[in-house]
């Protein structure tokens, strides 16, 4: 069976391969995502990630840390890409974007079953030109 740490590495591989449909290999059918921008379930995460990859077709993800405790996996990730497509109503700016995330997943039967994240979206929207920089 795949380990929780392996799931985090698979997440990075799928992100760097820009293969949104492969999220179906990573999450349970009834995947619960606590990010309000992403619908629950396999279809929800696959659809959102397809949109994300259209927004930043050159996206590169780096895993900074992965910690496992029981059925929880926590990861710290860096994302770099060019804002080349519309993102949640923000027109493509051509800007280089750096996003950081801290993700926590609950693992069930070798798959991610539940997800929480913390993202630096204020900075991302500033980098995209949607909000003024301080």
C-alpha atoms as a PDB file:
ATOM      1  CA  UNK A   1       0.000   0.000   0.000  1.00  0.00           C
ATOM      2  CA  UNK A   2       1.164   3.533  -0.731  1.00  0.00           C
ATOM      3  CA  UNK A   3       2.379   5.432   2.339  1.00  0.00           C
ATOM      4  CA  UNK A   4       1.085   8.860   3.358  1.00  0.00           C
ATOM      5  CA  UNK A   5       4.486  10.374   2.522  1.00  0.00           C
ATOM      6  CA  UNK A   6       4.303   8.723  -0.924  1.00  0.00           C
ATOM      7  CA  UNK A   7       0.925  10.409  -1.469  1.00  0.00           C
ATOM      8  CA  UNK A   8       2.513  13.835  -0.912  1.00  0.00           C
ATOM      9  CA  UNK A   9       5.254  12.983  -3.411  1.00  0.00           C
ATOM     10  CA  UNK A  10       2.641  11.761  -5.907  1.00  0.00           C
ATOM     11  CA  UNK A  11       0.822  15.096  -5.435  1.00  0.00           C
ATOM     12  CA  UNK A  12       3.996  16.930  -6.537  1.00  0.00           C
ATOM     13  CA  UNK A  13       4.530  14.572  -9.495  1.00  0.00           C
ATOM     14  CA  UNK A  14       0.938  15.098 -10.676  1.00  0.00           C
ATOM     15  CA  UNK A  15       1.254  18.869 -10.244  1.00  0.00           C
ATOM     16  CA  UNK A  16       4.517  19.011 -12.176  1.00  0.00           C
ATOM     17  CA  UNK A  17       3.089  16.742 -14.896  1.00  0.00           C
ATOM     18  CA  UNK A  18       0.030  19.031 -15.206  1.00  0.00           C
ATOM     19  CA  UNK A  19      -2.211  15.945 -15.215  1.00  0.00           C
ATOM     20  CA  UNK A  20      -5.437  17.074 -13.560  1.00  0.00           C
ATOM     21  CA  UNK A  21      -7.266  13.814 -14.260  1.00  0.00           C
ATOM     22  CA  UNK A  22      -4.625  11.910 -12.260  1.00  0.00           C
ATOM     23  CA  UNK A  23      -5.960  13.475  -9.062  1.00  0.00           C
ATOM     24  CA  UNK A  24      -8.498  10.645  -9.249  1.00  0.00           C
ATOM     25  CA  UNK A  25      -5.601   8.323  -8.274  1.00  0.00           C
ATOM     26  CA  UNK A  26      -4.862  10.441  -5.225  1.00  0.00           C
ATOM     27  CA  UNK A  27      -8.210  11.129  -3.545  1.00  0.00           C
ATOM     28  CA  UNK A  28     -11.281   9.237  -2.374  1.00  0.00           C
ATOM     29  CA  UNK A  29     -14.509   9.494  -4.372  1.00  0.00           C
ATOM     30  CA  UNK A  30     -16.084  11.590  -1.601  1.00  0.00           C
ATOM     31  CA  UNK A  31     -12.953  13.727  -1.020  1.00  0.00           C
ATOM     32  CA  UNK A  32     -13.772  16.610   1.326  1.00  0.00           C
ATOM     33  CA  UNK A  33     -11.915  19.817   0.476  1.00  0.00           C
ATOM     34  CA  UNK A  34     -12.143  22.638   3.023  1.00  0.00           C
ATOM     35  CA  UNK A  35     -10.966  25.205   0.442  1.00  0.00           C
ATOM     36  CA  UNK A  36     -14.188  27.019  -0.578  1.00  0.00           C
ATOM     37  CA  UNK A  37     -12.883  27.550  -4.144  1.00  0.00           C
ATOM     38  CA  UNK A  38     -12.736  23.795  -4.789  1.00  0.00           C
ATOM     39  CA  UNK A  39     -15.790  21.549  -4.989  1.00  0.00           C
ATOM     40  CA  UNK A  40     -15.737  18.350  -2.972  1.00  0.00           C
ATOM     41  CA  UNK A  41     -15.213  14.927  -4.553  1.00  0.00           C
ATOM     42  CA  UNK A  42     -12.848  13.608  -7.193  1.00  0.00           C
ATOM     43  CA  UNK A  43     -14.590  15.535  -9.955  1.00  0.00           C
ATOM     44  CA  UNK A  44     -14.244  18.786  -7.995  1.00  0.00           C
ATOM     45  CA  UNK A  45     -10.494  18.548  -7.459  1.00  0.00           C
ATOM     46  CA  UNK A  46      -9.889  17.366 -11.047  1.00  0.00           C
ATOM     47  CA  UNK A  47     -11.911  20.286 -12.476  1.00  0.00           C
ATOM     48  CA  UNK A  48     -10.216  22.880 -10.282  1.00  0.00           C
ATOM     49  CA  UNK A  49      -6.735  21.582 -11.065  1.00  0.00           C
ATOM     50  CA  UNK A  50      -7.489  21.570 -14.815  1.00  0.00           C
ATOM     51  CA  UNK A  51      -8.405  25.268 -14.460  1.00  0.00           C
ATOM     52  CA  UNK A  52      -5.218  25.926 -12.443  1.00  0.00           C
ATOM     53  CA  UNK A  53      -3.060  24.268 -15.112  1.00  0.00           C
ATOM     54  CA  UNK A  54      -4.751  26.383 -17.823  1.00  0.00           C
ATOM     55  CA  UNK A  55      -4.017  29.466 -15.747  1.00  0.00           C
ATOM     56  CA  UNK A  56      -0.340  28.567 -15.289  1.00  0.00           C
ATOM     57  CA  UNK A  57       0.716  26.098 -17.992  1.00  0.00           C
ATOM     58  CA  UNK A  58       4.388  26.306 -16.955  1.00  0.00           C
ATOM     59  CA  UNK A  59       3.692  25.656 -13.254  1.00  0.00           C
ATOM     60  CA  UNK A  60       6.488  24.027 -11.248  1.00  0.00           C
ATOM     61  CA  UNK A  61       5.917  22.761  -7.693  1.00  0.00           C
ATOM     62  CA  UNK A  62       8.572  22.082  -5.095  1.00  0.00           C
ATOM     63  CA  UNK A  63       7.991  20.170  -1.881  1.00  0.00           C
ATOM     64  CA  UNK A  64       9.761  21.913   0.989  1.00  0.00           C
ATOM     65  CA  UNK A  65       8.624  19.652   3.854  1.00  0.00           C
ATOM     66  CA  UNK A  66       6.390  16.636   4.473  1.00  0.00           C
ATOM     67  CA  UNK A  67       5.391  15.514   7.954  1.00  0.00           C
ATOM     68  CA  UNK A  68       3.268  12.494   8.832  1.00  0.00           C
ATOM     69  CA  UNK A  69       1.406  11.906  12.087  1.00  0.00           C
ATOM     70  CA  UNK A  70      -1.047   9.026  12.200  1.00  0.00           C
ATOM     71  CA  UNK A  71      -3.610   9.524   9.438  1.00  0.00           C
ATOM     72  CA  UNK A  72      -2.491  13.120   8.752  1.00  0.00           C
ATOM     73  CA  UNK A  73       0.031  14.351   6.177  1.00  0.00           C
ATOM     74  CA  UNK A  74       1.224  17.957   6.242  1.00  0.00           C
ATOM     75  CA  UNK A  75       3.239  19.471   3.429  1.00  0.00           C
ATOM     76  CA  UNK A  76       4.809  22.842   2.703  1.00  0.00           C
ATOM     77  CA  UNK A  77       5.000  23.608  -1.017  1.00  0.00           C
ATOM     78  CA  UNK A  78       6.214  26.371  -3.364  1.00  0.00           C
ATOM     79  CA  UNK A  79       4.580  26.990  -6.742  1.00  0.00           C
ATOM     80  CA  UNK A  80       6.087  29.034  -9.579  1.00  0.00           C
ATOM     81  CA  UNK A  81       4.427  29.833 -12.873  1.00  0.00           C
ATOM     82  CA  UNK A  82       3.375  32.450 -15.396  1.00  0.00           C
ATOM     83  CA  UNK A  83      -0.163  33.815 -15.148  1.00  0.00           C
ATOM     84  CA  UNK A  84      -1.031  32.960 -18.763  1.00  0.00           C
ATOM     85  CA  UNK A  85      -4.764  32.289 -18.499  1.00  0.00           C
ATOM     86  CA  UNK A  86      -7.784  33.707 -16.707  1.00  0.00           C
ATOM     87  CA  UNK A  87      -7.947  32.666 -13.074  1.00  0.00           C
ATOM     88  CA  UNK A  88     -11.251  32.972 -11.187  1.00  0.00           C
ATOM     89  CA  UNK A  89     -12.129  36.022 -13.276  1.00  0.00           C
ATOM     90  CA  UNK A  90      -8.659  37.611 -13.239  1.00  0.00           C
ATOM     91  CA  UNK A  91      -7.459  38.084 -16.828  1.00  0.00           C
ATOM     92  CA  UNK A  92      -4.046  36.711 -17.785  1.00  0.00           C
ATOM     93  CA  UNK A  93      -1.334  39.203 -16.845  1.00  0.00           C
ATOM     94  CA  UNK A  94       1.818  37.431 -18.032  1.00  0.00           C
ATOM     95  CA  UNK A  95       3.246  37.955 -14.548  1.00  0.00           C
ATOM     96  CA  UNK A  96       5.494  35.459 -12.826  1.00  0.00           C
ATOM     97  CA  UNK A  97       3.680  34.143  -9.770  1.00  0.00           C
ATOM     98  CA  UNK A  98       5.080  32.527  -6.634  1.00  0.00           C
ATOM     99  CA  UNK A  99       2.534  30.862  -4.392  1.00  0.00           C
ATOM    100  CA  UNK A 100       3.190  29.083  -1.111  1.00  0.00           C
ATOM    101  CA  UNK A 101       0.936  26.554   0.565  1.00  0.00           C
ATOM    102  CA  UNK A 102       0.705  24.521   3.686  1.00  0.00           C
ATOM    103  CA  UNK A 103      -1.566  21.560   3.078  1.00  0.00           C
ATOM    104  CA  UNK A 104      -2.899  19.049   5.559  1.00  0.00           C
ATOM    105  CA  UNK A 105      -4.591  15.884   4.371  1.00  0.00           C
ATOM    106  CA  UNK A 106      -6.371  13.096   6.222  1.00  0.00           C
ATOM    107  CA  UNK A 107      -5.540   9.705   4.724  1.00  0.00           C
ATOM    108  CA  UNK A 108      -8.064   6.874   4.494  1.00  0.00           C
ATOM    109  CA  UNK A 109      -7.375   3.494   2.862  1.00  0.00           C
ATOM    110  CA  UNK A 110      -4.256   4.791   1.106  1.00  0.00           C
ATOM    111  CA  UNK A 111      -5.890   7.899  -0.416  1.00  0.00           C
ATOM    112  CA  UNK A 112      -6.376  11.516   0.586  1.00  0.00           C
ATOM    113  CA  UNK A 113      -9.884  11.753   2.065  1.00  0.00           C
ATOM    114  CA  UNK A 114      -9.939  15.292   3.454  1.00  0.00           C
ATOM    115  CA  UNK A 115      -7.916  18.467   2.850  1.00  0.00           C
ATOM    116  CA  UNK A 116      -7.169  21.813   4.490  1.00  0.00           C
ATOM    117  CA  UNK A 117      -4.814  24.445   3.099  1.00  0.00           C
ATOM    118  CA  UNK A 118      -3.334  27.829   3.877  1.00  0.00           C
ATOM    119  CA  UNK A 119      -2.287  29.863   0.837  1.00  0.00           C
ATOM    120  CA  UNK A 120      -0.687  33.278   0.318  1.00  0.00           C
ATOM    121  CA  UNK A 121      -3.501  34.312  -2.048  1.00  0.00           C
ATOM    122  CA  UNK A 122      -3.294  38.036  -1.213  1.00  0.00           C
ATOM    123  CA  UNK A 123       0.251  38.046  -2.586  1.00  0.00           C
ATOM    124  CA  UNK A 124      -0.799  35.876  -5.556  1.00  0.00           C
ATOM    125  CA  UNK A 125      -3.587  38.319  -6.499  1.00  0.00           C
ATOM    126  CA  UNK A 126      -1.121  41.213  -6.109  1.00  0.00           C
ATOM    127  CA  UNK A 127       1.375  39.442  -8.376  1.00  0.00           C
ATOM    128  CA  UNK A 128      -1.390  38.906 -10.954  1.00  0.00           C
ATOM    129  CA  UNK A 129      -2.213  42.632 -10.837  1.00  0.00           C
ATOM    130  CA  UNK A 130      -5.728  42.118  -9.435  1.00  0.00           C
ATOM    131  CA  UNK A 131      -4.931  43.937  -6.174  1.00  0.00           C
ATOM    132  CA  UNK A 132      -2.513  46.791  -5.461  1.00  0.00           C
ATOM    133  CA  UNK A 133       0.785  45.989  -3.798  1.00  0.00           C
ATOM    134  CA  UNK A 134       1.492  47.773  -0.519  1.00  0.00           C
END
